[in-house]
Protein backbone atom coordinates (compact mmCIF):
# COMPACT_ATOMS: atom_id res chain seq x y z
CA MET A 1 77.74 -1.12 31.59
CA ASN A 2 78.32 1.47 34.33
CA SER A 3 74.93 0.56 35.60
CA VAL A 4 75.52 -3.12 35.61
CA ARG A 5 78.58 -3.43 37.23
CA TRP A 6 76.65 -1.04 39.97
CA ILE A 7 74.31 -3.79 40.24
CA ILE A 8 76.83 -6.32 40.29
CA GLY A 9 78.46 -5.24 43.17
CA TYR A 10 74.94 -5.01 44.82
CA LEU A 11 74.57 -8.72 43.70
CA ASN A 12 78.60 -9.55 45.49
CA ARG A 13 77.64 -8.30 48.67
CA TYR A 14 75.88 -11.77 49.10
CA PRO A 15 78.55 -13.93 47.18
CA LEU A 16 77.22 -17.49 48.29
CA MET A 17 73.88 -16.59 46.77
CA PHE A 18 75.27 -14.97 44.15
CA TYR A 19 77.64 -17.78 42.69
CA GLY A 20 75.13 -20.95 43.82
CA THR A 21 72.42 -18.96 41.43
CA ILE A 22 74.53 -19.05 38.63
CA ILE A 23 75.65 -22.69 38.78
CA LEU A 24 72.05 -23.74 40.06
CA SER A 25 71.13 -22.44 36.97
CA MET A 26 73.48 -23.60 34.72
CA VAL A 27 72.95 -27.04 36.38
CA GLU A 28 69.01 -26.84 36.14
CA ILE A 29 69.23 -25.75 32.12
CA LEU A 30 71.49 -29.19 31.36
CA LEU A 31 69.09 -31.21 33.35
CA PHE A 32 66.30 -29.77 31.88
CA ALA A 33 67.74 -30.63 28.19
CA SER A 34 68.78 -34.02 29.08
CA PRO A 35 65.55 -36.14 28.30
CA THR A 36 66.46 -35.90 25.06
CA LEU A 37 70.06 -37.78 25.16
CA PHE A 38 67.92 -40.56 27.04
CA ILE A 39 64.80 -40.68 24.59
CA SER A 40 67.69 -41.08 21.36
CA LYS A 41 69.31 -43.79 23.43
CA ILE A 42 65.89 -45.67 24.23
CA ILE A 43 65.11 -44.94 20.64
CA GLU A 44 68.58 -46.00 19.85
CA LEU A 45 67.87 -49.49 21.79
CA LEU A 46 63.97 -49.84 20.21
CA MET A 47 65.41 -50.28 17.22
CA ASP A 48 67.88 -52.84 17.95
CA ASN A 49 65.02 -54.80 19.87
CA ALA A 50 66.93 -54.78 22.96
CA GLN A 51 65.42 -56.13 25.95
CA ALA A 52 62.64 -54.61 27.77
CA THR A 53 64.21 -54.45 30.83
CA GLU A 54 67.27 -52.74 29.78
CA ILE A 55 64.88 -50.03 28.08
CA ILE A 56 63.17 -49.70 31.55
CA LEU A 57 66.42 -48.98 32.95
CA TRP A 58 67.25 -45.87 30.86
CA ILE A 59 63.11 -45.01 31.48
CA SER A 60 64.36 -44.87 34.59
CA TYR A 61 67.51 -43.20 34.60
CA MET A 62 65.71 -40.29 32.46
CA THR A 63 62.64 -40.23 35.28
CA GLY A 64 65.10 -39.62 38.20
CA LEU A 65 66.86 -36.67 36.52
CA MET A 66 63.52 -34.76 35.96
CA VAL A 67 62.93 -35.17 39.53
CA ILE A 68 66.01 -34.19 40.61
CA GLN A 69 65.76 -31.15 37.89
CA ALA A 70 62.70 -30.13 39.33
CA PHE A 71 64.28 -30.20 42.76
CA VAL A 72 67.03 -27.99 41.59
CA PHE A 73 64.67 -25.38 39.93
CA TYR A 74 62.71 -25.03 43.25
CA VAL A 75 66.10 -24.81 45.14
CA VAL A 76 67.76 -21.95 42.26
CA ALA A 77 64.00 -20.40 41.93
CA THR A 78 64.18 -19.89 45.76
CA LEU A 79 67.80 -18.51 45.94
CA ASN A 80 67.55 -16.11 43.47
CA GLU A 81 64.23 -14.45 44.64
CA ILE A 82 65.61 -13.91 47.87
CA HIS A 83 68.94 -12.74 46.81
CA ALA A 84 67.13 -10.20 44.45
CA HIS A 85 64.90 -8.70 47.59
CA ARG A 86 67.63 -8.57 49.52
CA VAL A 87 69.65 -6.42 47.02
CA THR A 88 66.90 -4.17 46.27
CA THR A 89 66.03 -4.17 50.01
CA ASP A 90 69.95 -2.33 50.30
CA MET A 91 69.26 -0.09 47.38
CA THR A 92 66.29 1.28 48.83
CA SER A 93 67.90 1.36 52.51
CA ASP A 94 71.20 3.06 51.05
CA LEU A 95 68.35 5.14 48.92
CA PHE A 96 66.65 6.23 52.50
CA THR A 97 70.12 7.05 53.83
CA THR A 98 71.79 9.47 51.40
CA LEU A 99 68.17 11.22 50.82
CA GLN A 100 68.44 11.84 54.87
CA GLU A 101 72.02 12.75 54.92
CA ARG A 102 71.30 15.41 52.16
CA PRO A 103 71.15 19.58 52.66
CA LEU A 104 67.68 20.98 52.43
CA TYR A 105 68.80 22.75 49.49
CA TYR A 106 68.80 19.47 47.29
CA HIS A 107 65.40 18.43 49.06
CA ASP A 108 63.80 21.95 48.03
CA ARG A 109 64.86 21.23 44.42
CA MET A 110 63.75 16.86 44.11
CA ARG A 111 59.92 16.34 43.77
CA ILE A 112 59.11 13.91 46.08
CA GLY A 113 56.79 11.92 44.53
CA ASP A 114 59.51 11.28 41.39
CA VAL A 115 61.54 10.12 44.49
CA MET A 116 58.78 7.85 45.98
CA ALA A 117 58.35 6.26 42.45
CA ARG A 118 62.62 5.63 42.16
CA ALA A 119 62.24 4.50 45.76
CA THR A 120 59.65 1.89 45.04
CA GLY A 121 58.64 1.21 41.18
CA ASP A 122 62.19 1.25 40.29
CA THR A 123 63.45 -0.67 42.79
CA ARG A 124 60.84 -3.31 41.83
CA MET A 125 61.87 -2.75 37.93
CA VAL A 126 65.49 -3.69 39.16
CA ASN A 127 63.71 -6.85 41.16
CA ILE A 128 62.24 -8.12 38.59
CA GLY A 129 65.17 -8.23 36.38
CA LEU A 130 67.20 -9.89 39.08
CA SER A 131 64.44 -12.54 39.07
CA PRO A 132 63.66 -13.91 36.99
CA ALA A 133 65.33 -12.66 33.73
CA VAL A 134 69.03 -12.83 35.20
CA ARG A 135 68.48 -16.32 36.00
CA PHE A 136 66.69 -17.06 32.33
CA PHE A 137 69.69 -15.07 30.46
CA ILE A 138 72.49 -17.62 32.31
CA GLN A 139 70.34 -20.83 31.61
CA ILE A 140 70.03 -19.40 27.66
CA VAL A 141 73.69 -19.30 27.51
CA THR A 142 74.77 -22.19 28.81
CA LEU A 143 71.77 -24.26 26.89
CA PHE A 144 73.54 -23.11 23.76
CA ILE A 145 77.10 -23.95 24.42
CA SER A 146 76.06 -26.65 25.60
CA SER A 147 73.80 -27.94 22.45
CA LEU A 148 77.70 -26.68 20.35
CA GLY A 149 79.51 -28.93 22.29
CA VAL A 150 76.81 -32.01 21.88
CA PHE A 151 76.43 -31.29 17.87
CA PHE A 152 80.41 -31.26 17.53
CA THR A 153 80.29 -34.65 19.52
CA VAL A 154 77.72 -36.81 17.77
CA ASN A 155 78.30 -35.08 14.08
CA ARG A 156 80.08 -32.08 13.04
CA LYS A 157 77.97 -31.33 9.96
CA MET A 158 75.17 -30.73 12.20
CA SER A 159 76.62 -28.26 14.14
CA LEU A 160 77.01 -25.96 11.17
CA PRO A 161 73.26 -24.04 11.29
CA LEU A 162 73.61 -23.61 14.85
CA LEU A 163 77.40 -22.39 14.57
CA LEU A 164 76.43 -19.92 11.88
CA SER A 165 72.97 -18.64 13.43
CA PHE A 166 74.94 -18.16 17.06
CA PRO A 167 76.91 -14.84 16.19
CA LEU A 168 74.13 -13.71 13.98
CA TYR A 169 71.34 -14.47 16.75
CA GLY A 170 73.34 -12.63 19.34
CA PHE A 171 73.55 -9.53 16.85
CA LEU A 172 70.09 -9.27 16.73
CA VAL A 173 69.37 -9.85 20.49
CA VAL A 174 71.88 -6.90 21.30
CA ARG A 175 70.07 -4.70 18.53
CA TYR A 176 66.79 -5.71 19.64
CA GLY A 177 67.96 -4.71 23.40
CA LYS A 178 69.43 -1.64 22.13
CA LYS A 179 65.86 -0.38 20.45
CA LEU A 180 64.12 -1.09 23.78
CA GLY A 181 66.76 0.78 25.75
CA PRO A 182 66.03 4.40 25.01
CA GLU A 183 62.00 3.46 25.61
CA SER A 184 62.85 1.75 28.86
CA THR A 185 64.18 5.04 29.92
CA ALA A 186 61.77 7.33 28.94
CA ILE A 187 58.64 5.03 30.44
CA ARG A 188 60.18 5.18 34.19
CA SER A 189 60.73 9.14 33.61
CA SER A 190 57.82 9.69 32.29
CA PHE A 191 56.24 7.77 34.97
CA GLY A 192 58.04 9.21 37.89
CA GLU A 193 57.00 13.04 36.37
CA LEU A 194 53.36 11.57 36.17
CA THR A 195 54.33 10.27 40.36
CA ALA A 196 55.48 13.52 40.99
CA LEU A 197 52.52 15.25 40.23
CA THR A 198 49.76 13.23 41.51
CA HIS A 199 51.71 13.43 44.83
CA GLU A 200 52.04 18.11 44.53
CA VAL A 201 48.29 17.83 43.83
CA PHE A 202 46.77 15.33 46.70
CA LEU A 203 49.43 17.03 49.20
CA GLY A 204 48.11 20.73 47.81
CA ILE A 205 44.51 19.75 47.63
CA SER A 206 43.82 22.71 49.65
CA GLU A 207 45.37 25.17 47.72
CA VAL A 208 43.75 23.46 44.58
CA LYS A 209 40.03 23.41 45.62
CA SER A 210 40.71 27.45 47.11
CA TYR A 211 41.73 28.40 43.66
CA VAL A 212 39.38 26.28 41.75
CA TYR A 213 42.44 24.60 39.94
CA GLU A 214 40.95 21.13 39.12
CA GLU A 215 40.59 21.52 35.56
CA GLN A 216 44.25 23.05 35.27
CA ILE A 217 45.06 20.27 37.15
CA ILE A 218 43.27 17.45 35.25
CA GLU A 219 44.46 18.53 31.77
CA LYS A 220 47.67 18.43 33.35
CA PHE A 221 47.54 15.01 34.63
CA SER A 222 46.17 14.16 31.21
CA LYS A 223 48.79 15.40 29.12
CA ARG A 224 51.17 13.69 31.65
CA SER A 225 49.15 10.16 31.43
CA GLU A 226 49.21 10.50 27.79
CA GLU A 227 52.95 10.71 27.15
CA ASN A 228 53.88 7.80 29.49
CA ALA A 229 50.76 5.52 27.45
CA LEU A 230 52.44 6.61 24.41
CA HIS A 231 56.29 5.88 25.37
CA VAL A 232 54.54 2.24 26.77
CA ARG A 233 52.81 1.96 23.34
CA LYS A 234 55.81 2.57 21.40
CA PHE A 235 57.71 -0.03 23.72
CA GLY A 236 55.37 -2.35 22.74
CA VAL A 237 55.29 -1.70 18.97
CA LEU A 238 58.86 -2.13 19.02
CA SER A 239 59.06 -5.43 21.55
CA ALA A 240 56.37 -6.98 19.10
CA VAL A 241 59.24 -7.24 16.38
CA TYR A 242 61.11 -9.81 17.03
CA PRO A 243 63.52 -11.19 14.38
CA PRO A 244 65.73 -13.67 16.46
CA GLN A 245 62.32 -16.26 17.06
CA LEU A 246 62.37 -16.02 13.41
CA LEU A 247 66.08 -17.29 12.84
CA MET A 248 65.28 -20.09 15.24
CA ALA A 249 62.48 -21.72 13.24
CA LEU A 250 64.54 -21.46 10.38
CA ASN A 251 67.41 -23.03 12.04
CA LEU A 252 64.98 -25.66 13.21
CA GLY A 253 63.81 -26.43 9.60
CA VAL A 254 67.44 -26.68 8.15
CA THR A 255 68.04 -28.58 11.19
CA ALA A 256 65.53 -31.05 10.19
CA VAL A 257 66.46 -30.92 6.16
CA LEU A 258 70.29 -31.55 7.26
CA GLY A 259 69.78 -34.92 9.24
CA ILE A 260 67.55 -36.04 6.71
CA ILE A 261 70.24 -35.92 4.10
CA LEU A 262 73.12 -37.22 5.91
CA MET A 263 70.55 -39.46 7.29
CA ASN A 264 70.36 -40.76 3.17
CA ALA A 265 73.86 -40.61 2.91
CA GLY A 266 74.60 -42.77 5.50
CA GLU A 267 76.09 -40.57 7.92
CA LEU A 268 73.74 -39.73 10.49
CA THR A 269 71.49 -42.07 12.42
CA PHE A 270 67.70 -41.82 13.21
CA PRO A 271 68.71 -41.29 17.11
CA GLN A 272 71.62 -38.82 16.51
CA LEU A 273 68.71 -36.94 14.45
CA VAL A 274 66.43 -36.98 17.45
CA ILE A 275 69.06 -35.30 19.26
CA PHE A 276 69.64 -32.64 16.96
CA VAL A 277 65.97 -31.99 16.33
CA GLY A 278 65.23 -32.20 20.49
CA LEU A 279 67.67 -29.71 21.22
CA ILE A 280 66.79 -27.45 18.81
CA THR A 281 63.24 -27.48 19.90
CA ILE A 282 64.42 -26.76 23.33
CA LEU A 283 66.66 -23.68 21.48
CA GLN A 284 63.73 -22.30 20.17
CA PHE A 285 61.36 -23.02 23.30
CA MET A 286 63.99 -21.05 25.24
CA GLY A 287 64.67 -18.48 22.72
CA ARG A 288 61.29 -17.45 23.13
CA ARG A 289 62.05 -16.44 26.75
CA ILE A 290 64.95 -14.44 25.25
CA LYS A 291 62.00 -11.24 24.04
CA SER A 292 61.04 -10.80 27.63
CA ILE A 293 63.66 -11.74 29.32
CA THR A 294 65.54 -8.65 27.01
CA THR A 295 62.58 -6.39 27.67
CA MET A 296 62.81 -6.96 31.60
CA LEU A 297 66.56 -6.63 31.34
CA MET A 298 66.65 -3.08 29.80
CA ARG A 299 63.93 -1.76 32.10
CA MET A 300 66.18 -3.15 34.91
CA ILE A 301 68.91 -1.24 33.26
CA ALA A 302 66.98 2.15 33.35
CA SER A 303 65.87 2.02 36.60
CA ALA A 304 69.51 1.29 38.33
CA GLU A 305 70.39 4.34 35.89
CA ARG A 306 67.35 6.16 37.73
CA LEU A 307 68.69 4.82 41.12
CA GLN A 308 72.35 5.77 40.41
CA GLU A 309 71.00 9.68 39.58
CA VAL A 310 70.39 10.22 43.34
CA LEU A 311 72.94 7.46 45.13
């Protein structure tokens, strides 16, 4: 949490970009999900044998919103990317300034290659975490909350599967992130060690060749490289097992079955069922993103901790 607050401090240096990204991200996902409601309305009009002009009018409304959504997507993606680059540029600048001000004995203890890895690789991981991972995270939370609101408004019974699964889904995502956290830190640390060794070897390449030390260096480099690869493989295995996705698939099935039962009981119409199944399908689609988002966010936090160690 300390690293998250530290990153937010940098984000708040550009409040218009920060809060603009949050608000536009919410607007974008609401526009992205809105066609489901329009499709439901169009199906209802078709079932009621409405006039073609009225149906075309609703199709026009839906098309117009989709065009607006595309424009909002362009604006928020651009704004988010610019904001992320400004933040990481500030981090790199602060890191460089801090290192300039440190006494000589500090630099004697620090490995230049590791510092370079933090200034380039770790700031890059923070950049990827801020754009697009944070924006997608905001959208998924907004979609969950807005979908619950729609479900409660249309039919409270149909909201039960999503309402009951939401806390469990959140718990599984947090647990998934906690598993990835230590390995994210280990990957960045081992990569820093590998970069530091590479820098030291080529900085003193004349000594390496003078003392015929190539074989020992190759063995040492291979060992460090294998350590880094081991952490990457372990991270890959952990990230491959993603229980929340299974939960969303089950939620879609339960929603469809419950909808059919309520339709037979006369408590739900077919257009309303389209709303529920459509929104759950979009949630399932966005839920797939949480896996990659969680991975990026955990790498961002691990990198932020490494930058904080210096700053």
